[in-house]
């Protein structure tokens, strides 16, 4: 066994596998175009790309200045209109590439959020069932004093997601109205 090998409990291994499968499925669904954009963005996001772009700009400007100093016709005299056009076009392409990549990543984030919501709802239902079972056991156990626990009774009821969402919207709307009134 390697010192880097970590033994995880089976339920955690399954969770890690499920998460990895979610990411792998997302990657498999990416088109060739999306994968190409991702590769390009990864390359352009490296420090070497910044250095290369800086060197190209310096060489472009330096060459044009040197040509002028030698009384030759520069191919792009100051203020370097061609260079500005190239940089503007490159910036437009980079913006579109980044937006395309971000849109693809947002889909993965939406899938994760949906999975998290579903797991939270299932967990809430399980917890409510556990509270209900514990309360029943307490009432059935002759050694425990019977008492009414309103909070435990309320917690034993599964939540209504639609009602909670409506309460959040109502509260949010009230806060916005209160802020506008002040």
N, C-alpha and C. Protein backbone atom coordinates (compact mmCIF):
# COMPACT_ATOMS: atom_id res chain seq x y z
N UNK A 1 0.84 -1.19 0.00
CA UNK A 1 0.00 0.00 0.00
C UNK A 1 0.88 1.24 0.00
N UNK A 2 0.59 2.14 -0.89
CA UNK A 2 1.33 3.38 -1.05
C UNK A 2 0.91 4.35 0.05
N UNK A 3 1.85 5.21 0.48
CA UNK A 3 1.52 6.19 1.53
C UNK A 3 0.47 7.19 1.05
N UNK A 4 0.32 7.33 -0.29
CA UNK A 4 -0.70 8.23 -0.83
C UNK A 4 -2.07 7.57 -0.90
N UNK A 5 -2.13 6.25 -0.78
CA UNK A 5 -3.41 5.54 -0.82
C UNK A 5 -4.15 5.77 0.49
N UNK A 6 -5.34 6.26 0.36
CA UNK A 6 -6.17 6.52 1.52
C UNK A 6 -7.34 5.55 1.47
N UNK A 7 -7.60 4.89 2.57
CA UNK A 7 -8.73 3.96 2.63
C UNK A 7 -9.93 4.75 3.13
N UNK A 8 -10.94 4.79 2.31
CA UNK A 8 -12.15 5.52 2.65
C UNK A 8 -13.27 4.53 2.96
N UNK A 9 -14.18 4.92 3.83
CA UNK A 9 -15.35 4.07 4.06
C UNK A 9 -16.13 3.90 2.76
N UNK A 10 -16.80 2.76 2.61
CA UNK A 10 -17.52 2.48 1.34
C UNK A 10 -18.50 3.57 0.92
N UNK A 11 -19.24 4.15 1.86
CA UNK A 11 -20.22 5.16 1.48
C UNK A 11 -19.54 6.43 0.94
N UNK A 12 -18.36 6.75 1.43
CA UNK A 12 -17.63 7.91 0.92
C UNK A 12 -17.04 7.59 -0.45
N UNK A 13 -16.51 6.36 -0.60
CA UNK A 13 -16.01 5.95 -1.92
C UNK A 13 -17.12 6.03 -2.96
N UNK A 14 -18.32 5.61 -2.61
CA UNK A 14 -19.45 5.65 -3.54
C UNK A 14 -19.81 7.10 -3.89
N UNK A 15 -19.76 7.98 -2.90
CA UNK A 15 -20.03 9.40 -3.14
C UNK A 15 -18.98 10.00 -4.08
N UNK A 16 -17.72 9.66 -3.84
CA UNK A 16 -16.64 10.16 -4.71
C UNK A 16 -16.84 9.63 -6.13
N UNK A 17 -17.17 8.35 -6.26
CA UNK A 17 -17.41 7.76 -7.58
C UNK A 17 -18.59 8.43 -8.27
N UNK A 18 -19.66 8.69 -7.53
CA UNK A 18 -20.85 9.34 -8.12
C UNK A 18 -20.53 10.75 -8.60
N UNK A 19 -19.77 11.48 -7.80
CA UNK A 19 -19.39 12.84 -8.18
C UNK A 19 -18.49 12.81 -9.42
N UNK A 20 -17.54 11.88 -9.43
CA UNK A 20 -16.65 11.76 -10.59
C UNK A 20 -17.45 11.38 -11.84
N UNK A 21 -18.46 10.52 -11.68
CA UNK A 21 -19.29 10.13 -12.83
C UNK A 21 -20.10 11.32 -13.34
N UNK A 22 -20.58 12.17 -12.45
CA UNK A 22 -21.30 13.37 -12.87
C UNK A 22 -20.40 14.25 -13.74
N UNK A 23 -19.16 14.44 -13.29
CA UNK A 23 -18.21 15.26 -14.06
C UNK A 23 -17.85 14.58 -15.38
N UNK A 24 -17.63 13.27 -15.34
CA UNK A 24 -17.26 12.54 -16.56
C UNK A 24 -18.41 12.59 -17.57
N UNK A 25 -19.64 12.43 -17.11
CA UNK A 25 -20.79 12.50 -18.02
C UNK A 25 -20.89 13.89 -18.64
N UNK A 26 -20.63 14.91 -17.83
CA UNK A 26 -20.65 16.28 -18.35
C UNK A 26 -19.58 16.47 -19.42
N UNK A 27 -18.39 15.93 -19.16
CA UNK A 27 -17.30 16.04 -20.14
C UNK A 27 -17.62 15.26 -21.41
N UNK A 28 -18.24 14.08 -21.27
CA UNK A 28 -18.60 13.28 -22.45
C UNK A 28 -19.64 13.99 -23.31
N UNK A 29 -20.50 14.77 -22.70
CA UNK A 29 -21.56 15.47 -23.43
C UNK A 29 -21.04 16.70 -24.17
N UNK A 30 -19.81 17.11 -23.85
CA UNK A 30 -19.24 18.29 -24.50
C UNK A 30 -18.98 17.97 -25.97
N UNK A 31 -19.31 18.92 -26.82
CA UNK A 31 -19.05 18.75 -28.25
C UNK A 31 -17.56 18.94 -28.52
N UNK A 32 -17.14 18.55 -29.72
CA UNK A 32 -15.75 18.75 -30.14
C UNK A 32 -15.41 20.24 -30.07
N UNK A 33 -16.36 21.07 -30.47
CA UNK A 33 -16.18 22.52 -30.43
C UNK A 33 -15.92 22.99 -28.99
N UNK A 34 -16.72 22.49 -28.04
CA UNK A 34 -16.55 22.90 -26.64
C UNK A 34 -15.21 22.41 -26.08
N UNK A 35 -14.82 21.18 -26.41
CA UNK A 35 -13.54 20.66 -25.92
C UNK A 35 -12.38 21.46 -26.51
N UNK A 36 -12.49 21.85 -27.78
CA UNK A 36 -11.45 22.65 -28.41
C UNK A 36 -11.34 24.01 -27.73
N UNK A 37 -12.46 24.62 -27.45
CA UNK A 37 -12.46 25.92 -26.75
C UNK A 37 -11.82 25.78 -25.38
N UNK A 38 -12.17 24.71 -24.65
CA UNK A 38 -11.59 24.50 -23.32
C UNK A 38 -10.07 24.39 -23.40
N UNK A 39 -9.58 23.62 -24.38
CA UNK A 39 -8.13 23.47 -24.55
C UNK A 39 -7.48 24.81 -24.86
N UNK A 40 -8.10 25.56 -25.76
CA UNK A 40 -7.56 26.87 -26.14
C UNK A 40 -7.52 27.82 -24.95
N UNK A 41 -8.58 27.84 -24.17
CA UNK A 41 -8.62 28.71 -22.99
C UNK A 41 -7.57 28.28 -21.97
N UNK A 42 -7.40 26.96 -21.79
CA UNK A 42 -6.36 26.49 -20.87
C UNK A 42 -4.98 26.96 -21.33
N UNK A 43 -4.72 26.90 -22.63
CA UNK A 43 -3.42 27.33 -23.16
C UNK A 43 -3.24 28.84 -22.98
N UNK A 44 -4.27 29.60 -23.32
CA UNK A 44 -4.17 31.06 -23.22
C UNK A 44 -4.17 31.54 -21.77
N UNK A 45 -4.61 30.70 -20.87
CA UNK A 45 -4.64 31.06 -19.45
C UNK A 45 -3.32 30.83 -18.74
N UNK A 46 -2.33 30.34 -19.45
CA UNK A 46 -1.01 30.07 -18.86
C UNK A 46 -0.18 31.36 -18.83
N UNK A 47 0.70 31.49 -17.84
CA UNK A 47 1.59 32.67 -17.80
C UNK A 47 2.44 32.81 -19.06
N UNK A 48 2.81 31.69 -19.66
CA UNK A 48 3.63 31.74 -20.88
C UNK A 48 2.89 32.48 -22.00
N UNK A 49 1.57 32.35 -22.05
CA UNK A 49 0.80 33.05 -23.09
C UNK A 49 0.89 34.55 -22.89
N UNK A 50 0.81 35.00 -21.66
CA UNK A 50 0.92 36.44 -21.37
C UNK A 50 2.30 36.96 -21.78
N UNK A 51 3.33 36.20 -21.44
CA UNK A 51 4.70 36.60 -21.80
C UNK A 51 4.84 36.64 -23.32
N UNK A 52 4.31 35.62 -24.01
CA UNK A 52 4.40 35.57 -25.47
C UNK A 52 3.68 36.75 -26.11
N UNK A 53 2.50 37.05 -25.63
CA UNK A 53 1.74 38.19 -26.17
C UNK A 53 2.51 39.49 -25.94
N UNK A 54 3.08 39.64 -24.74
CA UNK A 54 3.87 40.84 -24.44
C UNK A 54 5.08 40.97 -25.36
N UNK A 55 5.76 39.86 -25.59
CA UNK A 55 6.93 39.88 -26.48
C UNK A 55 6.52 40.24 -27.91
N UNK A 56 5.41 39.67 -28.38
CA UNK A 56 4.93 39.98 -29.74
C UNK A 56 4.62 41.47 -29.87
N UNK A 57 3.97 42.04 -28.87
CA UNK A 57 3.63 43.47 -28.91
C UNK A 57 4.89 44.32 -28.92
N UNK A 58 5.85 43.96 -28.07
CA UNK A 58 7.11 44.72 -28.02
C UNK A 58 7.86 44.61 -29.34
N UNK A 59 7.91 43.39 -29.90
CA UNK A 59 8.60 43.21 -31.19
C UNK A 59 7.89 43.99 -32.30
N UNK A 60 6.57 43.96 -32.31
CA UNK A 60 5.80 44.69 -33.33
C UNK A 60 6.12 46.18 -33.27
N UNK A 61 5.97 46.73 -32.06
CA UNK A 61 6.22 48.17 -31.90
C UNK A 61 7.69 48.49 -32.15
N UNK A 62 8.57 47.67 -31.60
CA UNK A 62 10.00 47.90 -31.76
C UNK A 62 10.44 47.84 -33.22
N UNK A 63 9.91 46.88 -33.95
CA UNK A 63 10.26 46.76 -35.37
C UNK A 63 9.79 47.99 -36.14
N UNK A 64 8.58 48.43 -35.87
CA UNK A 64 8.06 49.61 -36.57
C UNK A 64 8.84 50.87 -36.22
N UNK A 65 9.23 51.01 -34.97
CA UNK A 65 10.02 52.17 -34.56
C UNK A 65 11.41 52.10 -35.20
N UNK A 66 12.00 50.91 -35.18
CA UNK A 66 13.34 50.73 -35.79
C UNK A 66 13.30 51.01 -37.29
N UNK A 67 12.27 50.56 -37.98
CA UNK A 67 12.15 50.83 -39.42
C UNK A 67 12.07 52.33 -39.66
N UNK A 68 11.34 53.02 -38.83
CA UNK A 68 11.22 54.48 -38.99
C UNK A 68 12.56 55.15 -38.73
N UNK A 69 13.29 54.66 -37.71
CA UNK A 69 14.61 55.22 -37.39
C UNK A 69 15.59 55.02 -38.54
N UNK A 70 15.41 53.92 -39.27
CA UNK A 70 16.30 53.62 -40.41
C UNK A 70 15.78 54.26 -41.69
N UNK A 71 14.78 55.14 -41.57
CA UNK A 71 14.17 55.83 -42.70
C UNK A 71 13.53 54.88 -43.70
N UNK A 72 13.09 53.74 -43.18
CA UNK A 72 12.33 52.79 -44.01
C UNK A 72 10.85 52.97 -43.68
N UNK A 73 10.01 52.43 -44.50
CA UNK A 73 8.56 52.56 -44.29
C UNK A 73 8.10 51.48 -43.31
N UNK A 74 7.64 51.91 -42.13
CA UNK A 74 7.13 50.91 -41.18
C UNK A 74 5.83 50.30 -41.70
N UNK A 75 5.62 49.01 -41.42
CA UNK A 75 4.39 48.36 -41.88
C UNK A 75 3.19 48.77 -41.03
N UNK A 76 3.41 49.29 -39.82
CA UNK A 76 2.34 49.77 -38.95
C UNK A 76 2.89 50.91 -38.10
N UNK A 77 2.94 52.13 -38.67
CA UNK A 77 3.54 53.24 -37.93
C UNK A 77 2.72 53.59 -36.67
N UNK A 78 3.43 54.23 -35.72
CA UNK A 78 2.75 54.67 -34.49
C UNK A 78 1.57 55.55 -34.89
N UNK A 79 0.46 55.41 -34.29
CA UNK A 79 0.12 54.72 -33.05
C UNK A 79 -0.29 53.25 -33.23
N UNK A 80 0.22 52.59 -34.23
CA UNK A 80 0.06 51.14 -34.43
C UNK A 80 -1.40 50.72 -34.59
N UNK A 81 -2.05 51.28 -35.57
CA UNK A 81 -3.47 51.02 -35.83
C UNK A 81 -3.73 49.53 -36.11
N UNK A 82 -2.84 48.90 -36.89
CA UNK A 82 -3.04 47.47 -37.18
C UNK A 82 -2.94 46.63 -35.91
N UNK A 83 -1.96 46.96 -35.08
CA UNK A 83 -1.78 46.24 -33.82
C UNK A 83 -3.01 46.42 -32.93
N UNK A 84 -3.52 47.63 -32.86
CA UNK A 84 -4.73 47.89 -32.06
C UNK A 84 -5.91 47.08 -32.59
N UNK A 85 -6.03 47.02 -33.92
CA UNK A 85 -7.12 46.23 -34.51
C UNK A 85 -6.97 44.75 -34.20
N UNK A 86 -5.75 44.24 -34.29
CA UNK A 86 -5.51 42.82 -33.98
C UNK A 86 -5.83 42.54 -32.52
N UNK A 87 -5.38 43.42 -31.64
CA UNK A 87 -5.63 43.22 -30.20
C UNK A 87 -7.13 43.30 -29.91
N UNK A 88 -7.83 44.24 -30.51
CA UNK A 88 -9.28 44.36 -30.31
C UNK A 88 -10.01 43.11 -30.80
N UNK A 89 -9.62 42.62 -31.97
CA UNK A 89 -10.24 41.41 -32.52
C UNK A 89 -9.95 40.20 -31.62
N UNK A 90 -8.70 40.09 -31.18
CA UNK A 90 -8.33 38.99 -30.29
C UNK A 90 -9.12 39.07 -28.98
N UNK A 91 -9.31 40.27 -28.46
CA UNK A 91 -10.09 40.45 -27.23
C UNK A 91 -11.54 40.02 -27.43
N UNK A 92 -12.10 40.35 -28.59
CA UNK A 92 -13.47 39.93 -28.89
C UNK A 92 -13.56 38.41 -28.94
N UNK A 93 -12.60 37.78 -29.63
CA UNK A 93 -12.60 36.32 -29.70
C UNK A 93 -12.44 35.69 -28.32
N UNK A 94 -11.55 36.23 -27.51
CA UNK A 94 -11.35 35.70 -26.15
C UNK A 94 -12.62 35.83 -25.33
N UNK A 95 -13.30 36.95 -25.47
CA UNK A 95 -14.56 37.15 -24.73
C UNK A 95 -15.58 36.09 -25.12
N UNK A 96 -15.73 35.86 -26.42
CA UNK A 96 -16.69 34.86 -26.88
C UNK A 96 -16.27 33.46 -26.42
N UNK A 97 -14.98 33.16 -26.49
CA UNK A 97 -14.50 31.86 -26.03
C UNK A 97 -14.79 31.64 -24.55
N UNK A 98 -14.51 32.66 -23.76
CA UNK A 98 -14.73 32.55 -22.32
C UNK A 98 -16.22 32.41 -22.01
N UNK A 99 -17.06 33.18 -22.68
CA UNK A 99 -18.51 33.08 -22.47
C UNK A 99 -19.03 31.69 -22.86
N UNK A 100 -18.53 31.16 -23.96
CA UNK A 100 -18.94 29.83 -24.39
C UNK A 100 -18.53 28.78 -23.36
N UNK A 101 -17.30 28.89 -22.90
CA UNK A 101 -16.80 27.96 -21.88
C UNK A 101 -17.59 28.10 -20.58
N UNK A 102 -17.88 29.32 -20.19
CA UNK A 102 -18.62 29.56 -18.95
C UNK A 102 -20.03 28.98 -19.04
N UNK A 103 -20.64 29.10 -20.19
CA UNK A 103 -21.99 28.55 -20.39
C UNK A 103 -21.97 27.03 -20.19
N UNK A 104 -20.93 26.40 -20.72
CA UNK A 104 -20.78 24.95 -20.57
C UNK A 104 -20.59 24.59 -19.09
N UNK A 105 -19.76 25.36 -18.39
CA UNK A 105 -19.52 25.10 -16.97
C UNK A 105 -20.75 25.39 -16.13
N UNK A 106 -21.56 26.37 -16.54
CA UNK A 106 -22.78 26.68 -15.80
C UNK A 106 -23.74 25.50 -15.81
N UNK A 107 -23.74 24.75 -16.92
CA UNK A 107 -24.61 23.56 -16.99
C UNK A 107 -24.20 22.55 -15.92
N UNK A 108 -22.90 22.36 -15.75
CA UNK A 108 -22.42 21.44 -14.71
C UNK A 108 -22.83 21.97 -13.33
N UNK A 109 -22.69 23.26 -13.11
CA UNK A 109 -23.08 23.84 -11.82
C UNK A 109 -24.58 23.65 -11.57
N UNK A 110 -25.39 23.79 -12.62
CA UNK A 110 -26.84 23.57 -12.47
C UNK A 110 -27.13 22.11 -12.11
N UNK A 111 -26.42 21.18 -12.74
CA UNK A 111 -26.61 19.76 -12.40
C UNK A 111 -26.23 19.50 -10.95
N UNK A 112 -25.11 20.09 -10.52
CA UNK A 112 -24.68 19.92 -9.13
C UNK A 112 -25.70 20.52 -8.17
N UNK A 113 -26.20 21.70 -8.49
CA UNK A 113 -27.18 22.35 -7.62
C UNK A 113 -28.45 21.51 -7.52
N UNK A 114 -28.89 20.96 -8.65
CA UNK A 114 -30.08 20.11 -8.65
C UNK A 114 -29.85 18.86 -7.81
N UNK A 115 -28.68 18.24 -7.96
CA UNK A 115 -28.34 17.05 -7.18
C UNK A 115 -28.30 17.39 -5.69
N UNK A 116 -27.67 18.52 -5.35
CA UNK A 116 -27.59 18.94 -3.95
C UNK A 116 -28.98 19.18 -3.38
N UNK A 117 -29.84 19.83 -4.15
CA UNK A 117 -31.22 20.08 -3.69
C UNK A 117 -31.96 18.76 -3.46
N UNK A 118 -31.83 17.84 -4.40
CA UNK A 118 -32.53 16.56 -4.25
C UNK A 118 -32.02 15.79 -3.05
N UNK A 119 -30.69 15.78 -2.87
CA UNK A 119 -30.13 15.07 -1.72
C UNK A 119 -30.55 15.73 -0.41
N UNK A 120 -30.60 17.06 -0.39
CA UNK A 120 -31.04 17.76 0.82
C UNK A 120 -32.49 17.42 1.15
N UNK A 121 -33.33 17.34 0.12
CA UNK A 121 -34.74 17.02 0.36
C UNK A 121 -34.89 15.58 0.87
N UNK A 122 -34.14 14.66 0.29
CA UNK A 122 -34.20 13.27 0.76
C UNK A 122 -33.67 13.18 2.19
N UNK A 123 -32.58 13.88 2.47
CA UNK A 123 -32.03 13.88 3.83
C UNK A 123 -33.02 14.45 4.83
N UNK A 124 -33.70 15.52 4.44
CA UNK A 124 -34.70 16.13 5.33
C UNK A 124 -35.82 15.14 5.61
N UNK A 125 -36.25 14.41 4.59
CA UNK A 125 -37.31 13.41 4.80
C UNK A 125 -36.84 12.29 5.72
N UNK A 126 -35.59 11.86 5.56
CA UNK A 126 -35.05 10.81 6.42
C UNK A 126 -34.96 11.29 7.86
N UNK A 127 -34.50 12.52 8.05
CA UNK A 127 -34.39 13.06 9.40
C UNK A 127 -35.76 13.18 10.05
N UNK A 128 -36.74 13.63 9.30
CA UNK A 128 -38.10 13.72 9.84
C UNK A 128 -38.60 12.34 10.26
N UNK A 129 -38.30 11.33 9.45
CA UNK A 129 -38.72 9.96 9.78
C UNK A 129 -38.01 9.47 11.04
N UNK A 130 -36.72 9.77 11.17
CA UNK A 130 -35.98 9.38 12.37
C UNK A 130 -36.56 10.04 13.62
N UNK A 131 -36.88 11.32 13.53
CA UNK A 131 -37.48 12.02 14.68
C UNK A 131 -38.80 11.38 15.04
N UNK A 132 -39.59 11.07 14.02
CA UNK A 132 -40.88 10.41 14.27
C UNK A 132 -40.68 9.07 14.97
N UNK A 133 -39.72 8.27 14.51
CA UNK A 133 -39.46 6.95 15.12
C UNK A 133 -38.95 7.10 16.55
N UNK A 134 -38.09 8.08 16.80
CA UNK A 134 -37.59 8.30 18.16
C UNK A 134 -38.73 8.72 19.08
N UNK A 135 -39.60 9.59 18.59
CA UNK A 135 -40.74 10.02 19.40
C UNK A 135 -41.66 8.83 19.72
N UNK A 136 -41.91 7.98 18.73
CA UNK A 136 -42.74 6.77 18.98
C UNK A 136 -42.09 5.89 20.03
N UNK A 137 -40.76 5.71 19.88
CA UNK A 137 -40.05 4.87 20.85
C UNK A 137 -40.16 5.47 22.24
N UNK A 138 -40.07 6.76 22.34
CA UNK A 138 -40.16 7.42 23.65
C UNK A 138 -41.53 7.18 24.27
N UNK A 139 -42.58 7.26 23.46
CA UNK A 139 -43.93 7.03 23.99
C UNK A 139 -44.15 5.57 24.33
N UNK A 140 -43.52 4.66 23.59
CA UNK A 140 -43.71 3.22 23.81
C UNK A 140 -42.85 2.68 24.95
N UNK A 141 -41.84 3.39 25.36
CA UNK A 141 -40.93 2.94 26.40
C UNK A 141 -41.53 3.27 27.77
N UNK A 142 -41.85 2.26 28.57
CA UNK A 142 -42.46 2.53 29.88
C UNK A 142 -41.50 3.21 30.87
N UNK A 143 -40.22 3.14 30.61
CA UNK A 143 -39.25 3.74 31.53
C UNK A 143 -39.07 5.25 31.28
N UNK A 144 -39.63 5.74 30.20
CA UNK A 144 -39.49 7.17 29.89
C UNK A 144 -40.82 7.87 30.16
N UNK A 145 -40.72 9.03 30.77
CA UNK A 145 -41.93 9.80 31.06
C UNK A 145 -42.50 10.34 29.75
N UNK A 146 -43.82 10.17 29.60
CA UNK A 146 -44.48 10.71 28.41
C UNK A 146 -44.67 12.21 28.59
N UNK A 147 -44.27 12.93 27.62
CA UNK A 147 -44.49 14.37 27.61
C UNK A 147 -44.70 14.77 26.15
N UNK A 148 -45.38 15.86 25.99
CA UNK A 148 -45.62 16.33 24.63
C UNK A 148 -44.50 17.30 24.26
N UNK A 149 -43.85 17.02 23.14
CA UNK A 149 -42.77 17.86 22.64
C UNK A 149 -43.23 18.42 21.29
N UNK A 150 -43.79 19.63 21.35
CA UNK A 150 -44.32 20.26 20.13
C UNK A 150 -43.24 20.45 19.05
N UNK A 151 -42.04 20.81 19.49
CA UNK A 151 -40.96 21.02 18.53
C UNK A 151 -40.61 19.71 17.82
N UNK A 152 -40.52 18.61 18.57
CA UNK A 152 -40.22 17.30 17.95
C UNK A 152 -41.36 16.89 17.02
N UNK A 153 -42.60 17.17 17.41
CA UNK A 153 -43.74 16.85 16.54
C UNK A 153 -43.64 17.62 15.22
N UNK A 154 -43.29 18.90 15.32
CA UNK A 154 -43.16 19.72 14.11
C UNK A 154 -42.00 19.23 13.24
N UNK A 155 -40.89 18.87 13.88
CA UNK A 155 -39.73 18.39 13.12
C UNK A 155 -39.98 17.03 12.49
N UNK A 156 -40.90 16.25 13.05
CA UNK A 156 -41.19 14.92 12.50
C UNK A 156 -41.98 15.02 11.20
N UNK A 157 -42.54 16.19 10.91
CA UNK A 157 -43.29 16.37 9.67
C UNK A 157 -42.35 16.78 8.55
N UNK A 158 -42.40 16.09 7.41
CA UNK A 158 -41.55 16.49 6.28
C UNK A 158 -41.91 17.90 5.82
N UNK A 159 -40.91 18.62 5.40
CA UNK A 159 -41.12 19.99 4.92
C UNK A 159 -41.80 19.99 3.56
N UNK A 160 -42.54 21.06 3.31
CA UNK A 160 -43.17 21.26 2.01
C UNK A 160 -42.31 22.26 1.24
N UNK A 161 -41.53 21.77 0.25
CA UNK A 161 -40.62 22.68 -0.47
C UNK A 161 -41.34 23.87 -1.11
N UNK A 162 -42.53 23.66 -1.63
CA UNK A 162 -43.27 24.76 -2.26
C UNK A 162 -43.63 25.82 -1.22
N UNK A 163 -44.04 25.40 -0.04
CA UNK A 163 -44.40 26.35 1.02
C UNK A 163 -43.16 27.12 1.50
N UNK A 164 -42.04 26.42 1.60
CA UNK A 164 -40.79 27.07 2.02
C UNK A 164 -40.36 28.09 0.97
N UNK A 165 -40.42 27.70 -0.30
CA UNK A 165 -40.05 28.62 -1.37
C UNK A 165 -40.94 29.86 -1.35
N UNK A 166 -42.24 29.67 -1.14
CA UNK A 166 -43.16 30.80 -1.08
C UNK A 166 -42.82 31.70 0.11
N UNK A 167 -42.47 31.10 1.26
CA UNK A 167 -42.10 31.90 2.44
C UNK A 167 -40.83 32.69 2.17
N UNK A 168 -39.86 32.08 1.47
CA UNK A 168 -38.62 32.79 1.13
C UNK A 168 -38.94 33.97 0.22
N UNK A 169 -39.77 33.73 -0.81
CA UNK A 169 -40.15 34.82 -1.73
C UNK A 169 -40.89 35.93 -0.99
N UNK A 170 -41.82 35.56 -0.12
CA UNK A 170 -42.58 36.56 0.63
C UNK A 170 -41.67 37.38 1.54
N UNK A 171 -40.76 36.70 2.24
CA UNK A 171 -39.85 37.39 3.15
C UNK A 171 -38.91 38.30 2.37
N UNK A 172 -38.40 37.80 1.26
CA UNK A 172 -37.50 38.59 0.41
C UNK A 172 -38.23 39.83 -0.11
N UNK A 173 -39.45 39.63 -0.58
CA UNK A 173 -40.24 40.75 -1.08
C UNK A 173 -40.51 41.78 0.00
N UNK A 174 -40.79 41.31 1.22
CA UNK A 174 -41.04 42.22 2.34
C UNK A 174 -39.77 43.02 2.67
N UNK A 175 -38.61 42.35 2.63
CA UNK A 175 -37.35 43.05 2.92
C UNK A 175 -37.07 44.13 1.87
N UNK A 176 -37.36 43.81 0.61
CA UNK A 176 -37.14 44.79 -0.46
C UNK A 176 -38.09 45.98 -0.26
N UNK A 177 -39.36 45.69 0.07
CA UNK A 177 -40.33 46.76 0.32
C UNK A 177 -39.89 47.62 1.50
N UNK A 178 -39.39 46.97 2.58
CA UNK A 178 -38.93 47.72 3.77
C UNK A 178 -37.74 48.62 3.42
N UNK A 179 -36.82 48.08 2.58
CA UNK A 179 -35.65 48.88 2.17
C UNK A 179 -36.08 50.09 1.35
N UNK A 180 -37.06 49.90 0.48
CA UNK A 180 -37.52 51.00 -0.36
C UNK A 180 -38.24 52.07 0.47
N UNK A 181 -38.93 51.62 1.52
CA UNK A 181 -39.68 52.54 2.36
C UNK A 181 -38.73 53.39 3.22
N UNK A 182 -37.53 52.86 3.53
CA UNK A 182 -36.61 53.62 4.40
C UNK A 182 -35.86 54.67 3.67
